[in-house]
PDB file of N, CA and C in Angstrom:
ATOM      1  N   MET A   1     115.602 324.760  79.301  1.00  0.00           N
ATOM      2  CA  MET A   1     114.194 324.842  78.691  1.00  0.00           C
ATOM      3  C   MET A   1     114.948 323.983  77.450  1.00  0.00           C
ATOM      4  N   THR A   2     114.759 323.588  76.487  1.00  0.00           N
ATOM      5  CA  THR A   2     114.566 322.979  75.651  1.00  0.00           C
ATOM      6  C   THR A   2     114.172 323.449  73.870  1.00  0.00           C
ATOM      7  N   ARG A   3     114.623 322.859  73.386  1.00  0.00           N
ATOM      8  CA  ARG A   3     114.435 323.446  72.294  1.00  0.00           C
ATOM      9  C   ARG A   3     112.742 323.596  71.668  1.00  0.00           C
ATOM     10  N   LYS A   4     111.926 322.651  72.251  1.00  0.00           N
ATOM     11  CA  LYS A   4     110.946 322.525  72.105  1.00  0.00           C
ATOM     12  C   LYS A   4     110.040 323.950  72.696  1.00  0.00           C
ATOM     13  N   HIS A   5     110.609 324.571  73.867  1.00  0.00           N
ATOM     14  CA  HIS A   5     109.968 325.091  74.210  1.00  0.00           C
ATOM     15  C   HIS A   5     110.307 327.159  73.609  1.00  0.00           C
ATOM     16  N   PHE A   6     112.003 326.547  72.677  1.00  0.00           N
ATOM     17  CA  PHE A   6     112.748 327.613  72.300  1.00  0.00           C
ATOM     18  C   PHE A   6     111.633 328.530  70.726  1.00  0.00           C
ATOM     19  N   GLN A   7     110.911 327.153  70.635  1.00  0.00           N
ATOM     20  CA  GLN A   7     110.278 326.660  68.975  1.00  0.00           C
ATOM     21  C   GLN A   7     108.763 327.261  69.597  1.00  0.00           C
ATOM     22  N   MET A   8     108.961 327.132  70.432  1.00  0.00           N
ATOM     23  CA  MET A   8     107.300 327.709  70.446  1.00  0.00           C
ATOM     24  C   MET A   8     107.315 328.698  71.433  1.00  0.00           C
ATOM     25  N   ILE A   9     108.210 330.188  71.427  1.00  0.00           N
ATOM     26  CA  ILE A   9     108.299 331.422  71.651  1.00  0.00           C
ATOM     27  C   ILE A   9     108.191 331.604  70.749  1.00  0.00           C
ATOM     28  N   ALA A  10     109.392 332.080  70.104  1.00  0.00           N
ATOM     29  CA  ALA A  10     109.695 332.336  68.544  1.00  0.00           C
ATOM     30  C   ALA A  10     108.420 332.146  67.643  1.00  0.00           C
ATOM     31  N   ASN A  11     107.424 330.782  67.892  1.00  0.00           N
ATOM     32  CA  ASN A  11     106.199 330.907  67.088  1.00  0.00           C
ATOM     33  C   ASN A  11     104.879 332.485  67.520  1.00  0.00           C
ATOM     34  N   VAL A  12     105.683 332.519  69.208  1.00  0.00           N
ATOM     35  CA  VAL A  12     104.454 333.805  69.462  1.00  0.00           C
ATOM     36  C   VAL A  12     104.989 335.078  68.712  1.00  0.00           C
ATOM     37  N   VAL A  13     106.404 335.277  68.979  1.00  0.00           N
ATOM     38  CA  VAL A  13     106.826 336.320  68.733  1.00  0.00           C
ATOM     39  C   VAL A  13     106.854 336.675  67.029  1.00  0.00           C
ATOM     40  N   LYS A  14     107.518 335.536  66.301  1.00  0.00           N
ATOM     41  CA  LYS A  14     106.617 335.498  65.153  1.00  0.00           C
ATOM     42  C   LYS A  14     105.387 336.500  64.625  1.00  0.00           C
ATOM     43  N   ASN A  15     104.920 335.837  65.308  1.00  0.00           N
ATOM     44  CA  ASN A  15     102.783 336.612  64.899  1.00  0.00           C
ATOM     45  C   ASN A  15     103.173 338.150  65.070  1.00  0.00           C
ATOM     46  N   ILE A  16     104.092 339.142  65.981  1.00  0.00           N
ATOM     47  CA  ILE A  16     103.968 340.205  66.005  1.00  0.00           C
ATOM     48  C   ILE A  16     103.935 341.443  64.876  1.00  0.00           C
ATOM     49  N   ASP A  17     103.270 341.642  64.619  1.00  0.00           N
ATOM     50  CA  ASP A  17     103.035 342.411  62.890  1.00  0.00           C
ATOM     51  C   ASP A  17     103.948 343.334  62.954  1.00  0.00           C
ATOM     52  N   ASP A  18     104.517 344.201  64.107  1.00  0.00           N
ATOM     53  CA  ASP A  18     105.626 345.310  63.947  1.00  0.00           C
ATOM     54  C   ASP A  18     106.293 345.157  63.081  1.00  0.00           C
ATOM     55  N   HIS A  19     107.641 345.021  62.425  1.00  0.00           N
ATOM     56  CA  HIS A  19     108.865 344.578  62.626  1.00  0.00           C
ATOM     57  C   HIS A  19     110.117 344.508  63.753  1.00  0.00           C
ATOM     58  N   LYS A  20     109.858 346.352  63.523  1.00  0.00           N
ATOM     59  CA  LYS A  20     110.912 346.505  64.477  1.00  0.00           C
ATOM     60  C   LYS A  20     110.349 345.965  66.008  1.00  0.00           C
ATOM     61  N   VAL A  21     109.036 345.783  66.287  1.00  0.00           N
ATOM     62  CA  VAL A  21     107.947 345.291  67.779  1.00  0.00           C
ATOM     63  C   VAL A  21     108.901 343.642  67.755  1.00  0.00           C
ATOM     64  N   ARG A  22     108.434 343.617  66.470  1.00  0.00           N
ATOM     65  CA  ARG A  22     109.352 341.781  66.443  1.00  0.00           C
ATOM     66  C   ARG A  22     110.638 341.695  66.485  1.00  0.00           C
ATOM     67  N   HIS A  23     110.984 342.070  66.154  1.00  0.00           N
ATOM     68  CA  HIS A  23     112.891 342.352  65.839  1.00  0.00           C
ATOM     69  C   HIS A  23     112.589 342.686  67.892  1.00  0.00           C
ATOM     70  N   ALA A  24     112.506 343.618  68.201  1.00  0.00           N
ATOM     71  CA  ALA A  24     113.256 343.793  69.448  1.00  0.00           C
ATOM     72  C   ALA A  24     113.041 342.901  70.675  1.00  0.00           C
ATOM     73  N   VAL A  25     111.755 342.054  70.279  1.00  0.00           N
ATOM     74  CA  VAL A  25     111.114 341.457  71.100  1.00  0.00           C
ATOM     75  C   VAL A  25     112.650 339.924  70.756  1.00  0.00           C
ATOM     76  N   ALA A  26     112.230 339.969  69.711  1.00  0.00           N
ATOM     77  CA  ALA A  26     113.153 338.773  68.965  1.00  0.00           C
ATOM     78  C   ALA A  26     114.042 338.305  69.641  1.00  0.00           C
ATOM     79  N   MET A  27     114.922 339.725  69.906  1.00  0.00           N
ATOM     80  CA  MET A  27     116.243 339.853  70.007  1.00  0.00           C
ATOM     81  C   MET A  27     115.968 339.914  71.562  1.00  0.00           C
ATOM     82  N   ASP A  28     115.751 340.423  72.262  1.00  0.00           N
ATOM     83  CA  ASP A  28     115.437 340.300  73.814  1.00  0.00           C
ATOM     84  C   ASP A  28     115.044 339.157  74.614  1.00  0.00           C
ATOM     85  N   PHE A  29     113.969 338.591  73.861  1.00  0.00           N
ATOM     86  CA  PHE A  29     114.101 337.437  74.737  1.00  0.00           C
ATOM     87  C   PHE A  29     115.383 336.366  74.221  1.00  0.00           C
ATOM     88  N   ALA A  30     115.937 335.950  73.132  1.00  0.00           N
ATOM     89  CA  ALA A  30     117.514 336.112  72.311  1.00  0.00           C
ATOM     90  C   ALA A  30     118.255 335.991  73.575  1.00  0.00           C
ATOM     91  N   LEU A  31     118.715 336.516  73.638  1.00  0.00           N
ATOM     92  CA  LEU A  31     119.872 337.472  74.664  1.00  0.00           C
ATOM     93  C   LEU A  31     119.707 336.856  76.226  1.00  0.00           C
ATOM     94  N   ARG A  32     118.062 337.147  76.630  1.00  0.00           N
ATOM     95  CA  ARG A  32     117.696 336.535  77.878  1.00  0.00           C
ATOM     96  C   ARG A  32     118.088 334.948  78.389  1.00  0.00           C
ATOM     97  N   LEU A  33     117.233 333.926  76.400  1.00  0.00           N
ATOM     98  CA  LEU A  33     117.016 332.737  76.600  1.00  0.00           C
ATOM     99  C   LEU A  33     118.888 332.284  76.651  1.00  0.00           C
ATOM    100  N   LYS A  34     119.363 333.051  76.127  1.00  0.00           N
ATOM    101  CA  LYS A  34     121.139 332.065  75.800  1.00  0.00           C
ATOM    102  C   LYS A  34     122.147 331.498  76.941  1.00  0.00           C
ATOM    103  N   GLY A  35     120.870 332.288  77.934  1.00  0.00           N
ATOM    104  CA  GLY A  35     122.055 331.282  78.964  1.00  0.00           C
ATOM    105  C   GLY A  35     121.472 330.269  79.541  1.00  0.00           C
ATOM    106  N   GLU A  36     120.242 330.250  78.774  1.00  0.00           N
ATOM    107  CA  GLU A  36     119.382 328.496  79.943  1.00  0.00           C
ATOM    108  C   GLU A  36     120.299 327.157  79.188  1.00  0.00           C
ATOM    109  N   ASN A  37     120.588 327.587  77.996  1.00  0.00           N
ATOM    110  CA  ASN A  37     120.475 326.517  76.871  1.00  0.00           C
ATOM    111  C   ASN A  37     122.670 326.408  76.927  1.00  0.00           C
ATOM    112  N   PRO A  38     123.445 325.794  77.054  1.00  0.00           N
ATOM    113  CA  PRO A  38     124.719 326.360  76.490  1.00  0.00           C
ATOM    114  C   PRO A  38     124.824 325.957  74.377  1.00  0.00           C
ATOM    115  N   ARG A  39     123.831 324.929  74.956  1.00  0.00           N
ATOM    116  CA  ARG A  39     123.520 325.187  72.726  1.00  0.00           C
ATOM    117  C   ARG A  39     122.611 325.898  72.403  1.00  0.00           C
ATOM    118  N   PHE A  40     122.090 326.495  72.811  1.00  0.00           N
ATOM    119  CA  PHE A  40     121.775 327.685  71.811  1.00  0.00           C
ATOM    120  C   PHE A  40     121.812 328.877  71.194  1.00  0.00           C
ATOM    121  N   SER A  41     120.918 329.408  69.723  1.00  0.00           N
ATOM    122  CA  SER A  41     121.710 329.023  68.867  1.00  0.00           C
ATOM    123  C   SER A  41     121.420 330.981  69.288  1.00  0.00           C
ATOM    124  N   VAL A  42     121.811 331.604  69.405  1.00  0.00           N
ATOM    125  CA  VAL A  42     121.438 333.227  69.121  1.00  0.00           C
ATOM    126  C   VAL A  42     120.598 333.222  67.639  1.00  0.00           C
ATOM    127  N   SER A  43     121.029 333.064  66.782  1.00  0.00           N
ATOM    128  CA  SER A  43     120.664 333.631  64.859  1.00  0.00           C
ATOM    129  C   SER A  43     119.759 332.644  64.113  1.00  0.00           C
ATOM    130  N   LYS A  44     119.729 331.297  65.213  1.00  0.00           N
ATOM    131  CA  LYS A  44     118.495 330.271  64.283  1.00  0.00           C
ATOM    132  C   LYS A  44     117.409 331.004  65.469  1.00  0.00           C
ATOM    133  N   PHE A  45     116.887 331.213  66.837  1.00  0.00           N
ATOM    134  CA  PHE A  45     115.937 331.937  67.348  1.00  0.00           C
ATOM    135  C   PHE A  45     115.597 333.164  66.631  1.00  0.00           C
ATOM    136  N   VAL A  46     116.627 334.086  66.324  1.00  0.00           N
ATOM    137  CA  VAL A  46     115.983 334.907  65.927  1.00  0.00           C
ATOM    138  C   VAL A  46     115.649 334.817  64.618  1.00  0.00           C
ATOM    139  N   GLY A  47     115.840 333.816  64.119  1.00  0.00           N
ATOM    140  CA  GLY A  47     115.286 333.846  62.463  1.00  0.00           C
ATOM    141  C   GLY A  47     114.108 332.894  62.464  1.00  0.00           C
ATOM    142  N   ALA A  48     113.513 332.080  63.389  1.00  0.00           N
ATOM    143  CA  ALA A  48     112.841 331.419  63.115  1.00  0.00           C
ATOM    144  C   ALA A  48     111.600 332.783  63.719  1.00  0.00           C
ATOM    145  N   CYS A  49     112.534 333.377  64.511  1.00  0.00           N
ATOM    146  CA  CYS A  49     111.405 334.484  64.930  1.00  0.00           C
ATOM    147  C   CYS A  49     110.952 335.326  63.123  1.00  0.00           C
ATOM    148  N   ASN A  50     111.317 335.404  62.499  1.00  0.00           N
ATOM    149  CA  ASN A  50     111.087 336.277  60.945  1.00  0.00           C
ATOM    150  C   ASN A  50     111.739 336.828  61.592  1.00  0.00           C
ATOM    151  N   SER A  51     112.854 337.684  62.299  1.00  0.00           N
ATOM    152  CA  SER A  51     113.459 338.598  61.650  1.00  0.00           C
ATOM    153  C   SER A  51     115.247 338.312  61.850  1.00  0.00           C
ATOM    154  N   TYR A  52     116.108 339.365  62.910  1.00  0.00           N
ATOM    155  CA  TYR A  52     117.625 339.112  62.301  1.00  0.00           C
ATOM    156  C   TYR A  52     118.320 339.233  63.590  1.00  0.00           C
ATOM    157  N   ALA A  53     119.664 338.546  63.287  1.00  0.00           N
ATOM    158  CA  ALA A  53     120.204 338.968  64.695  1.00  0.00           C
ATOM    159  C   ALA A  53     121.425 340.012  64.361  1.00  0.00           C
ATOM    160  N   THR A  54     121.289 340.385  65.486  1.00  0.00           N
ATOM    161  CA  THR A  54     122.191 341.789  65.324  1.00  0.00           C
ATOM    162  C   THR A  54     123.919 341.332  65.437  1.00  0.00           C
ATOM    163  N   VAL A  55     124.558 341.532  64.388  1.00  0.00           N
ATOM    164  CA  VAL A  55     126.669 340.901  64.502  1.00  0.00           C
ATOM    165  C   VAL A  55     126.538 341.229  66.645  1.00  0.00           C
ATOM    166  N   GLU A  56     125.837 341.959  67.131  1.00  0.00           N
ATOM    167  CA  GLU A  56     126.738 341.895  68.421  1.00  0.00           C
ATOM    168  C   GLU A  56     126.660 341.039  69.163  1.00  0.00           C
ATOM    169  N   ALA A  57     124.993 340.117  68.807  1.00  0.00           N
ATOM    170  CA  ALA A  57     124.553 339.202  69.966  1.00  0.00           C
ATOM    171  C   ALA A  57     124.819 338.198  69.145  1.00  0.00           C
ATOM    172  N   ALA A  58     124.928 337.801  68.366  1.00  0.00           N
ATOM    173  CA  ALA A  58     125.532 336.204  67.901  1.00  0.00           C
ATOM    174  C   ALA A  58     127.457 336.499  67.450  1.00  0.00           C
ATOM    175  N   LYS A  59     128.131 337.601  68.383  1.00  0.00           N
ATOM    176  CA  LYS A  59     129.263 337.383  68.014  1.00  0.00           C
ATOM    177  C   LYS A  59     130.634 336.203  68.282  1.00  0.00           C
ATOM    178  N   ASP A  60     129.207 335.699  70.056  1.00  0.00           N
ATOM    179  CA  ASP A  60     130.090 334.819  70.298  1.00  0.00           C
ATOM    180  C   ASP A  60     129.969 333.550  69.265  1.00  0.00           C
ATOM    181  N   GLU A  61     128.837 332.725  68.180  1.00  0.00           N
ATOM    182  CA  GLU A  61     128.247 331.963  67.448  1.00  0.00           C
ATOM    183  C   GLU A  61     129.347 332.162  66.165  1.00  0.00           C
ATOM    184  N   VAL A  62     129.934 333.078  65.699  1.00  0.00           N
ATOM    185  CA  VAL A  62     130.935 333.263  64.952  1.00  0.00           C
ATOM    186  C   VAL A  62     131.900 332.809  64.421  1.00  0.00           C
ATOM    187  N   GLN A  63     132.683 332.278  63.925  1.00  0.00           N
ATOM    188  CA  GLN A  63     134.085 331.854  64.238  1.00  0.00           C
ATOM    189  C   GLN A  63     134.389 332.065  62.549  1.00  0.00           C
ATOM    190  N   PHE A  64     135.811 332.123  62.664  1.00  0.00           N
ATOM    191  CA  PHE A  64     136.191 332.524  61.328  1.00  0.00           C
ATOM    192  C   PHE A  64     137.415 332.141  61.698  1.00  0.00           C
TER     193      PHE A  64
END
């Protein structure tokens, strides 16, 4: 999958009115899509969904 596909999914998810449902759907997609592309960013995807990434999901992206 490409960035174009990820953006299309994020555009649909960000239109979910209930913020708890939107967050749950965004995180579910993010964790599943992470395996599709080595450059996939959970935090960027979830941000594009108008939600937030949990620390557990984004831990692979955090660099100290």
